[in-house]
N, C-alpha and C. Protein backbone atom coordinates (compact mmCIF):
# COMPACT_ATOMS: atom_id res chain seq x y z
N MET A 1 112.46 -81.95 123.69
CA MET A 1 110.87 -82.07 123.37
C MET A 1 110.48 -80.77 122.45
N ASP A 2 109.44 -80.54 121.81
CA ASP A 2 109.05 -79.28 121.11
C ASP A 2 107.87 -79.06 122.01
N PRO A 3 107.61 -77.45 121.91
CA PRO A 3 106.41 -77.50 122.54
C PRO A 3 105.13 -78.25 122.76
N GLY A 4 104.70 -78.49 121.64
CA GLY A 4 103.71 -79.58 121.55
C GLY A 4 103.55 -80.65 122.31
N THR A 5 104.73 -81.29 122.11
CA THR A 5 105.04 -82.58 122.70
C THR A 5 105.43 -82.67 124.24
N ALA A 6 106.25 -81.31 124.60
CA ALA A 6 106.29 -81.20 125.90
C ALA A 6 104.83 -80.96 126.70
N ASN A 7 103.96 -80.30 126.07
CA ASN A 7 102.53 -80.08 126.60
C ASN A 7 101.86 -81.38 126.75
N LEU A 8 101.89 -82.08 125.81
CA LEU A 8 101.53 -83.53 126.11
C LEU A 8 101.80 -84.19 126.91
N ALA A 9 103.23 -84.39 127.10
CA ALA A 9 103.74 -84.88 128.20
C ALA A 9 103.70 -84.53 129.55
N THR A 10 103.11 -83.17 129.77
CA THR A 10 102.82 -82.77 131.08
C THR A 10 101.21 -83.05 131.25
N VAL A 11 100.21 -83.19 130.18
CA VAL A 11 98.83 -83.52 130.45
C VAL A 11 98.92 -85.15 131.16
N ILE A 12 99.80 -85.84 130.08
CA ILE A 12 99.76 -87.20 130.57
C ILE A 12 100.12 -87.75 131.53
N GLY A 13 101.18 -87.25 132.21
CA GLY A 13 102.41 -86.95 133.66
C GLY A 13 101.09 -86.91 134.65
N ALA A 14 100.38 -85.66 134.37
CA ALA A 14 98.98 -85.24 135.56
C ALA A 14 98.17 -86.08 135.54
N ARG A 15 97.97 -86.93 134.30
CA ARG A 15 96.66 -87.71 134.91
C ARG A 15 96.90 -89.40 135.11
N VAL A 16 98.43 -89.74 134.90
CA VAL A 16 98.90 -91.05 135.09
C VAL A 16 99.08 -90.78 136.76
N LYS A 17 99.35 -89.46 137.23
CA LYS A 17 99.66 -89.52 138.82
C LYS A 17 98.53 -89.12 139.63
N GLN A 18 97.50 -88.39 138.69
CA GLN A 18 96.06 -88.43 139.40
C GLN A 18 95.36 -89.85 139.61
N GLU A 19 95.39 -90.85 138.65
CA GLU A 19 94.73 -91.81 138.49
C GLU A 19 95.57 -92.77 139.59
N ARG A 20 96.86 -92.73 139.68
CA ARG A 20 97.80 -93.69 140.52
C ARG A 20 97.37 -93.45 142.19
N GLN A 21 97.06 -91.80 142.41
CA GLN A 21 97.35 -91.40 143.64
C GLN A 21 95.74 -91.83 143.97
N ALA A 22 94.74 -91.72 143.12
CA ALA A 22 93.09 -92.06 143.15
C ALA A 22 93.19 -93.43 143.93
N ARG A 23 94.11 -94.19 143.48
CA ARG A 23 93.99 -95.82 143.58
C ARG A 23 94.84 -95.97 144.92
N ARG A 24 95.52 -95.09 145.62
CA ARG A 24 96.50 -94.84 146.57
C ARG A 24 97.74 -96.01 146.34
N TRP A 25 98.18 -96.39 145.06
CA TRP A 25 99.25 -96.96 144.64
C TRP A 25 100.41 -96.15 144.73
N THR A 26 101.49 -96.89 145.04
CA THR A 26 102.85 -96.37 144.86
C THR A 26 103.27 -96.15 143.60
N LEU A 27 104.38 -95.55 143.57
CA LEU A 27 105.18 -95.60 142.09
C LEU A 27 105.63 -97.04 141.71
N ASP A 28 106.02 -97.70 143.03
CA ASP A 28 106.90 -99.18 142.61
C ASP A 28 105.47 -100.21 142.53
N LEU A 29 104.35 -99.91 143.07
CA LEU A 29 103.41 -100.73 142.31
C LEU A 29 102.80 -100.60 141.22
N LEU A 30 102.85 -99.20 140.90
CA LEU A 30 102.29 -98.87 139.45
C LEU A 30 103.11 -99.49 138.66
N ALA A 31 104.63 -99.58 138.78
CA ALA A 31 105.99 -100.03 137.69
C ALA A 31 105.53 -101.47 137.75
N GLU A 32 105.19 -101.83 138.98
CA GLU A 32 104.97 -103.41 138.73
C GLU A 32 103.91 -104.14 137.87
N VAL A 33 102.84 -103.39 138.26
CA VAL A 33 101.40 -103.99 137.59
C VAL A 33 101.66 -103.66 135.96
N ALA A 34 102.27 -102.59 135.62
CA ALA A 34 102.47 -102.25 134.40
C ALA A 34 103.43 -102.82 133.70
N GLY A 35 104.38 -103.25 134.56
CA GLY A 35 105.68 -103.91 133.68
C GLY A 35 106.75 -103.03 132.97
N VAL A 36 106.66 -101.77 133.71
CA VAL A 36 107.75 -100.74 133.62
C VAL A 36 108.72 -100.45 134.59
N SER A 37 109.73 -99.76 134.37
CA SER A 37 110.43 -99.46 135.59
C SER A 37 110.25 -98.42 136.18
N ARG A 38 110.48 -98.28 137.53
CA ARG A 38 109.87 -97.18 138.42
C ARG A 38 110.50 -95.97 137.85
N ARG A 39 111.65 -95.95 137.44
CA ARG A 39 112.22 -94.67 136.88
C ARG A 39 111.33 -93.78 135.38
N MET A 40 110.63 -94.90 135.03
CA MET A 40 109.78 -94.47 133.69
C MET A 40 108.59 -94.04 134.46
N VAL A 41 108.14 -94.71 135.23
CA VAL A 41 106.86 -93.92 135.83
C VAL A 41 106.78 -92.78 136.35
N VAL A 42 108.17 -92.28 137.01
CA VAL A 42 108.66 -90.99 137.59
C VAL A 42 108.56 -90.09 136.52
N ASN A 43 109.86 -90.59 135.54
CA ASN A 43 109.72 -89.46 134.41
C ASN A 43 108.44 -89.19 133.76
N VAL A 44 107.23 -90.35 133.61
CA VAL A 44 106.44 -90.04 133.21
C VAL A 44 105.56 -88.86 133.57
N GLU A 45 105.34 -89.22 134.74
CA GLU A 45 104.59 -88.26 135.94
C GLU A 45 104.83 -86.93 136.01
N GLN A 46 106.62 -86.80 135.73
CA GLN A 46 106.89 -85.16 135.77
C GLN A 46 106.95 -84.63 134.47
N GLY A 47 106.57 -85.56 133.50
CA GLY A 47 106.43 -85.09 132.03
C GLY A 47 107.71 -84.78 131.54
N ALA A 48 108.65 -85.58 132.11
CA ALA A 48 109.98 -85.75 131.56
C ALA A 48 110.50 -86.53 130.39
N ALA A 49 109.15 -87.43 130.04
CA ALA A 49 109.53 -88.65 129.22
C ALA A 49 108.56 -88.42 128.09
N ASN A 50 108.96 -88.83 126.96
CA ASN A 50 108.14 -88.82 125.51
C ASN A 50 108.27 -90.41 125.65
N PRO A 51 106.93 -90.95 126.36
CA PRO A 51 107.00 -92.41 126.47
C PRO A 51 106.60 -93.18 124.87
N SER A 52 106.81 -94.61 124.70
CA SER A 52 106.50 -95.03 123.59
C SER A 52 104.82 -95.39 123.61
N VAL A 53 104.26 -95.53 122.70
CA VAL A 53 103.04 -96.06 122.62
C VAL A 53 102.75 -97.32 123.42
N GLY A 54 103.78 -98.13 123.29
CA GLY A 54 103.79 -99.31 124.11
C GLY A 54 103.74 -99.24 125.49
N THR A 55 104.53 -98.15 125.99
CA THR A 55 104.61 -97.81 127.34
C THR A 55 103.20 -97.38 127.59
N LEU A 56 102.86 -96.35 127.01
CA LEU A 56 101.37 -95.71 127.23
C LEU A 56 100.42 -96.73 127.64
N LEU A 57 100.40 -97.39 126.62
CA LEU A 57 99.44 -98.91 126.76
C LEU A 57 99.39 -99.72 128.09
N ARG A 58 100.48 -99.80 128.33
CA ARG A 58 100.68 -100.65 129.67
C ARG A 58 100.17 -99.64 131.16
N LEU A 59 100.82 -98.44 130.70
CA LEU A 59 100.14 -97.69 132.26
C LEU A 59 98.73 -97.38 132.13
N SER A 60 98.08 -97.27 131.04
CA SER A 60 96.43 -96.79 130.72
C SER A 60 95.87 -98.52 131.31
N ASN A 61 96.47 -99.30 130.80
CA ASN A 61 95.71 -100.71 131.02
C ASN A 61 95.93 -100.99 132.64
N ALA A 62 97.20 -100.75 132.91
CA ALA A 62 97.45 -101.22 134.46
C ALA A 62 96.16 -100.32 135.66
N LEU A 63 96.10 -98.90 134.76
CA LEU A 63 95.26 -98.10 135.70
C LEU A 63 93.64 -97.99 135.38
N GLY A 64 93.69 -98.69 134.22
CA GLY A 64 92.18 -99.16 133.64
C GLY A 64 91.21 -98.26 133.18
N VAL A 65 92.29 -97.07 132.59
CA VAL A 65 91.47 -96.09 132.21
C VAL A 65 91.42 -95.74 130.55
N GLY A 66 92.27 -96.86 129.86
CA GLY A 66 92.16 -96.88 128.35
C GLY A 66 93.09 -95.59 128.07
N LEU A 67 93.95 -95.97 126.67
CA LEU A 67 94.73 -95.02 126.06
C LEU A 67 94.16 -93.62 125.83
N PRO A 68 92.98 -93.39 125.34
CA PRO A 68 92.26 -92.11 124.96
C PRO A 68 91.93 -91.32 126.31
N GLU A 69 91.65 -91.94 127.39
CA GLU A 69 91.20 -91.01 128.73
C GLU A 69 92.78 -90.58 129.15
N LEU A 70 93.85 -91.14 128.68
CA LEU A 70 95.16 -90.61 129.31
C LEU A 70 95.72 -89.74 128.82
N VAL A 71 95.59 -89.34 127.76
CA VAL A 71 95.79 -88.45 126.68
C VAL A 71 95.10 -87.19 126.48
N GLU A 72 93.69 -87.03 126.95
CA GLU A 72 92.94 -85.88 126.60
C GLU A 72 92.14 -85.70 127.94
N PRO A 73 91.72 -84.28 128.19
CA PRO A 73 90.92 -84.11 129.59
C PRO A 73 89.65 -84.61 129.45
N PRO A 74 88.95 -85.02 130.42
CA PRO A 74 87.43 -85.42 130.73
C PRO A 74 86.69 -84.42 129.50
N ALA A 75 85.78 -84.95 129.16
CA ALA A 75 84.85 -84.24 128.50
C ALA A 75 83.70 -83.96 129.23
N PRO A 76 82.99 -82.86 129.26
CA PRO A 76 81.77 -82.24 130.07
C PRO A 76 80.81 -83.04 129.30
N HIS A 77 80.86 -83.22 128.21
CA HIS A 77 79.38 -83.55 127.63
C HIS A 77 79.60 -85.05 126.97
N ALA A 78 78.43 -86.04 126.64
CA ALA A 78 78.91 -87.08 125.78
C ALA A 78 79.14 -86.45 124.02
N VAL A 79 79.07 -85.55 123.94
CA VAL A 79 79.89 -85.55 122.72
C VAL A 79 80.86 -84.92 122.47
N LYS A 80 82.00 -85.44 122.21
CA LYS A 80 83.29 -84.62 122.14
C LYS A 80 83.94 -84.56 120.74
N VAL A 81 84.27 -83.08 120.27
CA VAL A 81 84.44 -83.08 119.09
C VAL A 81 85.76 -82.44 119.02
N VAL A 82 86.91 -83.17 118.25
CA VAL A 82 88.24 -83.01 118.19
C VAL A 82 88.42 -82.36 116.80
N ARG A 83 88.92 -81.03 116.82
CA ARG A 83 89.13 -80.42 115.71
C ARG A 83 90.58 -80.81 114.80
N SER A 84 90.63 -80.44 113.65
CA SER A 84 91.72 -80.91 113.03
C SER A 84 92.93 -80.36 113.38
N GLY A 85 93.98 -80.81 113.86
CA GLY A 85 95.23 -80.56 114.49
C GLY A 85 95.38 -80.83 115.91
N ASP A 86 94.11 -81.06 116.57
CA ASP A 86 94.01 -81.21 118.03
C ASP A 86 94.13 -82.48 118.56
N GLY A 87 94.40 -83.63 117.54
CA GLY A 87 94.77 -85.11 118.37
C GLY A 87 95.95 -85.05 118.76
N ALA A 88 96.43 -85.97 119.63
CA ALA A 88 97.33 -85.93 120.30
C ALA A 88 98.39 -87.04 119.62
N ALA A 89 99.72 -86.39 119.27
CA ALA A 89 100.46 -87.04 118.42
C ALA A 89 101.33 -87.90 119.30
N LEU A 90 101.05 -89.39 119.34
CA LEU A 90 101.78 -90.29 120.27
C LEU A 90 103.23 -90.96 119.84
N TRP A 91 103.02 -90.74 118.44
CA TRP A 91 104.45 -91.46 117.40
C TRP A 91 105.14 -90.32 116.61
N THR A 92 106.14 -90.27 116.69
CA THR A 92 106.79 -89.52 115.38
C THR A 92 107.96 -90.24 115.00
N GLY A 93 108.12 -90.38 113.60
CA GLY A 93 109.17 -91.46 113.06
C GLY A 93 110.08 -90.57 112.82
N SER A 94 111.06 -91.19 112.30
CA SER A 94 112.91 -90.77 112.38
C SER A 94 112.62 -89.83 110.88
N ALA A 95 111.84 -89.70 110.25
CA ALA A 95 111.64 -89.09 108.95
C ALA A 95 110.38 -88.16 108.78
N GLY A 96 109.86 -88.09 110.24
CA GLY A 96 108.79 -87.18 110.23
C GLY A 96 107.18 -87.55 110.01
N GLY A 97 106.99 -89.06 110.31
CA GLY A 97 105.85 -89.30 109.97
C GLY A 97 105.23 -89.29 111.39
N ARG A 98 103.98 -89.38 111.53
CA ARG A 98 103.47 -89.29 112.69
C ARG A 98 102.01 -90.32 113.18
N GLY A 99 101.62 -90.61 114.34
CA GLY A 99 100.76 -91.53 114.64
C GLY A 99 99.98 -90.26 115.76
N VAL A 100 98.86 -89.92 115.03
CA VAL A 100 97.78 -89.17 116.19
C VAL A 100 96.80 -90.02 116.41
N LEU A 101 96.29 -89.91 117.95
CA LEU A 101 95.39 -90.40 118.50
C LEU A 101 94.12 -89.00 118.19
N VAL A 102 93.22 -89.52 117.26
CA VAL A 102 92.27 -88.32 117.18
C VAL A 102 90.94 -88.53 117.97
N ALA A 103 90.57 -89.93 118.18
CA ALA A 103 89.15 -89.60 119.13
C ALA A 103 89.58 -91.41 119.96
N GLY A 104 88.65 -91.05 120.90
CA GLY A 104 88.33 -92.74 121.63
C GLY A 104 87.39 -92.59 122.66
N THR A 105 87.21 -93.49 123.40
CA THR A 105 85.92 -93.72 124.01
C THR A 105 86.45 -94.16 124.99
N ALA A 106 85.81 -94.15 126.30
CA ALA A 106 86.03 -94.51 127.87
C ALA A 106 85.80 -95.62 128.22
N PRO A 107 86.69 -96.45 128.95
CA PRO A 107 86.22 -97.79 129.53
C PRO A 107 84.87 -97.95 129.79
N PRO A 108 84.74 -99.57 129.95
CA PRO A 108 85.47 -100.52 129.42
C PRO A 108 85.68 -101.08 128.02
N ASP A 109 85.14 -100.55 127.21
CA ASP A 109 85.28 -101.21 125.85
C ASP A 109 85.67 -99.78 125.10
N VAL A 110 86.84 -99.68 124.69
CA VAL A 110 87.58 -98.63 124.37
C VAL A 110 87.84 -98.60 123.11
N MET A 111 87.48 -97.66 122.26
CA MET A 111 87.66 -97.57 120.93
C MET A 111 88.59 -96.35 120.68
N GLU A 112 89.63 -96.97 119.84
CA GLU A 112 90.66 -95.51 119.57
C GLU A 112 90.51 -95.39 117.79
N LEU A 113 90.64 -94.04 117.79
CA LEU A 113 90.44 -93.76 116.09
C LEU A 113 92.08 -92.89 116.04
N TRP A 114 92.96 -93.44 115.00
CA TRP A 114 93.98 -92.83 114.60
C TRP A 114 94.17 -92.28 113.11
N ASP A 115 95.11 -91.64 113.19
CA ASP A 115 95.49 -91.08 111.58
C ASP A 115 96.81 -90.83 111.68
N TRP A 116 97.23 -91.66 110.80
CA TRP A 116 98.70 -92.42 110.79
C TRP A 116 99.25 -91.57 109.21
N THR A 117 100.57 -91.20 109.61
CA THR A 117 101.50 -90.81 108.15
C THR A 117 102.54 -91.51 108.45
N LEU A 118 103.30 -92.03 107.30
CA LEU A 118 104.67 -92.74 107.27
C LEU A 118 105.35 -92.32 106.22
N SER A 119 106.41 -91.80 106.38
CA SER A 119 107.47 -91.32 105.26
C SER A 119 107.77 -92.77 104.64
N PRO A 120 108.66 -92.86 103.47
CA PRO A 120 109.25 -93.59 103.15
C PRO A 120 110.04 -94.27 103.87
N ASP A 121 110.33 -95.44 103.81
CA ASP A 121 111.42 -96.60 104.69
C ASP A 121 110.92 -96.37 106.44
N GLU A 122 109.90 -95.81 106.67
CA GLU A 122 109.54 -95.62 108.10
C GLU A 122 108.58 -96.90 108.60
N GLU A 123 108.96 -97.51 109.78
CA GLU A 123 108.11 -98.35 110.27
C GLU A 123 107.78 -98.17 111.63
N HIS A 124 106.76 -98.49 112.14
CA HIS A 124 106.38 -98.55 113.35
C HIS A 124 105.99 -99.83 113.87
N ILE A 125 106.57 -100.25 115.13
CA ILE A 125 106.63 -101.63 115.28
C ILE A 125 105.56 -101.83 116.97
N SER A 126 104.76 -102.44 116.93
CA SER A 126 103.78 -102.54 117.92
C SER A 126 103.72 -104.01 118.99
N GLU A 127 104.15 -104.01 120.05
CA GLU A 127 104.02 -105.27 120.76
C GLU A 127 102.82 -105.68 121.04
N ALA A 128 102.30 -106.96 121.12
CA ALA A 128 101.11 -107.45 121.52
C ALA A 128 100.40 -106.81 122.41
N HIS A 129 99.11 -106.29 121.90
CA HIS A 129 98.23 -105.71 122.83
C HIS A 129 97.27 -106.56 123.79
N THR A 130 96.32 -106.27 124.49
CA THR A 130 95.63 -107.18 125.46
C THR A 130 94.90 -108.08 124.61
N ALA A 131 94.67 -109.36 125.18
CA ALA A 131 93.80 -110.30 124.50
C ALA A 131 92.83 -109.66 124.19
N GLY A 132 92.32 -109.95 122.72
CA GLY A 132 90.73 -109.61 122.37
C GLY A 132 90.82 -108.17 121.61
N THR A 133 91.99 -107.74 121.70
CA THR A 133 92.05 -106.29 120.98
C THR A 133 92.08 -106.71 119.38
N LYS A 134 91.40 -105.86 118.68
CA LYS A 134 91.08 -106.09 117.26
C LYS A 134 91.44 -104.66 116.82
N GLU A 135 91.91 -104.59 115.07
CA GLU A 135 91.98 -103.29 114.81
C GLU A 135 91.63 -103.34 113.32
N LEU A 136 91.19 -102.15 112.76
CA LEU A 136 90.75 -101.76 111.39
C LEU A 136 91.57 -101.31 111.04
N LEU A 137 92.36 -101.41 109.84
CA LEU A 137 93.46 -100.05 108.95
C LEU A 137 92.75 -100.09 107.63
N GLN A 138 92.60 -98.64 106.96
CA GLN A 138 92.34 -98.46 105.67
C GLN A 138 93.21 -97.53 105.21
N VAL A 139 93.93 -97.74 104.19
CA VAL A 139 95.05 -96.91 103.53
C VAL A 139 94.22 -95.70 102.33
N HIS A 140 94.68 -94.50 103.14
CA HIS A 140 94.09 -93.22 101.98
C HIS A 140 94.88 -93.05 100.89
N VAL A 141 96.54 -92.89 101.02
CA VAL A 141 97.56 -92.46 100.60
C VAL A 141 98.51 -93.29 100.31
N GLY A 142 99.08 -93.78 99.05
CA GLY A 142 100.35 -94.35 99.23
C GLY A 142 100.05 -96.08 99.59
N THR A 143 101.08 -96.74 99.82
CA THR A 143 100.87 -98.11 100.16
C THR A 143 101.51 -98.44 101.62
N VAL A 144 101.01 -99.25 102.23
CA VAL A 144 101.51 -99.64 103.69
C VAL A 144 101.36 -100.84 103.54
N THR A 145 102.47 -101.74 104.17
CA THR A 145 102.55 -103.07 104.52
C THR A 145 102.28 -103.26 106.04
N VAL A 146 101.44 -104.13 106.12
CA VAL A 146 101.29 -104.47 108.02
C VAL A 146 101.36 -105.94 107.89
N GLY A 147 102.31 -105.91 109.06
CA GLY A 147 103.13 -107.31 109.33
C GLY A 147 102.07 -107.58 110.93
N ILE A 148 101.43 -109.06 110.72
CA ILE A 148 100.61 -109.36 111.56
C ILE A 148 101.18 -110.55 112.04
N GLY A 149 101.96 -111.13 113.43
CA GLY A 149 102.58 -112.39 114.02
C GLY A 149 103.78 -112.50 112.49
N ASP A 150 103.28 -113.72 111.92
CA ASP A 150 104.28 -113.98 110.91
C ASP A 150 103.57 -114.00 109.58
N GLN A 151 102.64 -113.07 109.30
CA GLN A 151 102.26 -112.80 108.11
C GLN A 151 102.32 -111.31 108.07
N SER A 152 102.31 -111.10 106.59
CA SER A 152 102.57 -109.81 106.16
C SER A 152 101.59 -109.49 104.88
N VAL A 153 100.81 -108.25 104.85
CA VAL A 153 99.85 -107.73 103.51
C VAL A 153 100.39 -106.31 103.21
N THR A 154 100.21 -106.06 102.07
CA THR A 154 100.42 -105.12 101.78
C THR A 154 99.19 -104.35 101.19
N LEU A 155 98.94 -103.42 101.48
CA LEU A 155 97.71 -102.47 101.17
C LEU A 155 97.97 -101.19 100.17
N ASP A 156 97.31 -100.95 99.23
CA ASP A 156 97.32 -99.87 98.60
C ASP A 156 96.26 -98.92 98.62
N ALA A 157 96.14 -97.80 98.60
CA ALA A 157 95.10 -96.56 98.75
C ALA A 157 93.65 -97.27 98.54
N GLY A 158 92.62 -96.89 99.60
CA GLY A 158 91.88 -97.70 99.12
C GLY A 158 91.26 -99.08 99.86
N ASP A 159 92.40 -99.94 100.01
CA ASP A 159 92.58 -101.43 100.51
C ASP A 159 92.36 -101.15 101.98
N ALA A 160 92.05 -102.21 102.65
CA ALA A 160 91.59 -102.15 104.35
C ALA A 160 91.86 -103.33 104.62
N VAL A 161 92.24 -103.55 106.05
CA VAL A 161 92.28 -105.12 106.80
C VAL A 161 91.60 -104.84 107.72
N ALA A 162 91.32 -106.11 108.08
CA ALA A 162 91.01 -106.37 110.02
C ALA A 162 91.68 -107.23 110.49
N PHE A 163 91.83 -107.11 111.34
CA PHE A 163 93.19 -108.07 112.23
C PHE A 163 93.20 -108.38 113.84
N HIS A 164 93.21 -109.11 114.57
CA HIS A 164 93.30 -109.40 115.75
C HIS A 164 95.04 -108.94 116.29
N SER A 165 94.72 -107.60 117.02
CA SER A 165 96.06 -107.18 117.34
C SER A 165 96.64 -107.59 119.03
N ASP A 166 96.37 -108.91 119.42
CA ASP A 166 96.88 -109.24 120.53
C ASP A 166 98.12 -110.12 120.21
N VAL A 167 98.64 -109.91 118.92
CA VAL A 167 100.17 -110.51 118.69
C VAL A 167 100.95 -109.08 118.18
N PRO A 168 102.49 -109.25 118.20
CA PRO A 168 103.05 -108.45 117.67
C PRO A 168 102.75 -107.94 116.06
N HIS A 169 102.72 -106.51 116.06
CA HIS A 169 102.36 -106.21 114.68
C HIS A 169 103.20 -105.25 114.04
N SER A 170 102.80 -104.26 112.95
CA SER A 170 103.96 -103.32 112.31
C SER A 170 103.21 -102.74 111.39
N TYR A 171 103.62 -101.53 111.21
CA TYR A 171 103.03 -100.72 109.74
C TYR A 171 104.38 -100.27 109.22
N SER A 172 104.29 -100.70 107.83
CA SER A 172 105.66 -99.63 107.34
C SER A 172 105.26 -99.09 105.71
N ASN A 173 106.26 -98.28 105.55
CA ASN A 173 106.16 -97.64 104.21
C ASN A 173 107.38 -98.23 103.27
N GLN A 174 107.30 -99.15 102.57
CA GLN A 174 108.41 -99.67 101.79
C GLN A 174 108.60 -98.91 100.38
N ARG A 175 107.71 -97.87 100.17
CA ARG A 175 107.86 -97.52 98.97
C ARG A 175 108.65 -95.76 98.95
N THR A 176 108.54 -95.22 98.01
CA THR A 176 109.19 -93.77 97.83
C THR A 176 108.13 -92.76 98.15
N GLN A 177 107.33 -93.01 98.18
CA GLN A 177 106.32 -91.59 98.29
C GLN A 177 105.37 -92.20 99.97
N ALA A 178 105.28 -90.99 100.42
CA ALA A 178 104.82 -90.91 101.88
C ALA A 178 103.25 -91.65 101.68
N ALA A 179 102.78 -92.06 102.67
CA ALA A 179 101.48 -93.02 102.86
C ALA A 179 100.85 -92.33 104.17
N ARG A 180 99.42 -92.43 103.88
CA ARG A 180 98.60 -92.15 104.85
C ARG A 180 97.62 -93.28 105.21
N PHE A 181 97.25 -93.38 106.60
CA PHE A 181 95.75 -94.31 106.89
C PHE A 181 95.31 -94.12 108.14
N SER A 182 94.16 -94.52 108.13
CA SER A 182 93.42 -94.32 109.24
C SER A 182 93.49 -95.94 110.30
N LEU A 183 93.47 -95.98 111.42
CA LEU A 183 93.16 -96.87 112.46
C LEU A 183 92.55 -97.10 113.31
N ALA A 184 91.68 -98.15 113.42
CA ALA A 184 90.65 -98.20 114.49
C ALA A 184 91.10 -98.94 115.37
N VAL A 185 91.21 -99.12 116.82
CA VAL A 185 91.40 -99.95 117.50
C VAL A 185 90.36 -100.37 118.57
N PHE A 186 89.94 -101.22 118.89
CA PHE A 186 88.97 -102.11 119.63
C PHE A 186 89.62 -102.68 120.90
N GLN A 187 89.55 -102.42 122.24
CA GLN A 187 90.09 -103.07 123.49
C GLN A 187 88.92 -103.59 124.16
N PRO A 188 88.55 -104.67 124.36
CA PRO A 188 87.14 -104.90 125.34
C PRO A 188 87.74 -105.00 126.49
N GLY A 189 87.07 -104.44 127.84
CA GLY A 189 87.31 -105.02 129.13
C GLY A 189 88.48 -104.23 129.56
N VAL A 190 88.96 -103.29 129.12
CA VAL A 190 89.93 -102.41 129.73
C VAL A 190 89.32 -102.29 131.68
N GLY A 191 90.50 -102.49 132.54
CA GLY A 191 90.30 -102.29 133.70
C GLY A 191 88.93 -103.05 134.33
N SER A 192 88.77 -104.45 133.85
CA SER A 192 87.97 -105.02 134.19
C SER A 192 88.56 -106.30 135.09
N ALA A 193 89.73 -106.44 134.93
CA ALA A 193 90.62 -107.25 135.53
C ALA A 193 90.77 -107.10 136.68
N PRO A 194 90.92 -108.51 137.59
CA PRO A 194 91.04 -108.31 139.03
C PRO A 194 92.15 -107.34 139.21
N GLY A 195 91.81 -106.34 139.92
CA GLY A 195 93.17 -105.10 140.50
C GLY A 195 94.05 -105.59 141.88
N MET A 196 94.73 -104.93 142.30
CA MET A 196 95.69 -105.17 143.10
C MET A 196 95.26 -104.43 144.37
N GLU A 197 95.47 -105.13 145.65
CA GLU A 197 95.20 -103.94 146.91
C GLU A 197 95.64 -102.63 146.78
N PRO A 198 95.17 -101.68 147.15
CA PRO A 198 95.87 -100.15 147.01
C PRO A 198 96.87 -100.57 148.54
N SER A 199 97.96 -99.77 148.21
CA SER A 199 98.89 -99.38 149.11
C SER A 199 98.51 -98.05 149.61
N HIS A 200 98.52 -97.97 151.08
CA HIS A 200 98.26 -96.72 151.72
C HIS A 200 99.61 -95.90 152.16
N ASP A 201 100.76 -96.87 151.62
CA ASP A 201 102.01 -96.02 152.10
C ASP A 201 102.01 -94.77 151.10
């Protein structure tokens, strides 16, 4: 991992461990609730893994904290400014594209704002998010094809789409020029589902 990625992995690992221990959950319990392997939880907490966005969503949902809370230190004030270049790069494509989480709100109703770039022939495939999750996407540069379940829409610069993302979905650049788009994600009721009893082991 490059230094920036390694530093982010360390921040995420510390936050996951802090939230897990605050609930007195074992590694096995967090793995079970999140639907990931125990080894993945261990690697994430040790900062030894560069987990996928899907894995991070599973962990943040299980802990009831929301993805933005997992990747950034707590803000001391109600207004949090993220300067250019300071967002959390949570996805890197094979040709250099990036998905950067630039801002977000705390639970229970979590809003995320992303800045995405896709190089030619790159694609990001996302598993279905929790029920009720919605996304807004606007293309700024190039052309982006958005797959939503069994539907597909192609957007040029200036075009936008709104959709429910509690189904499998994807973003791809099938052209020869790079594409850039903004993505807003709304995930209601994070952490409001009944939790499991904490373990004292």
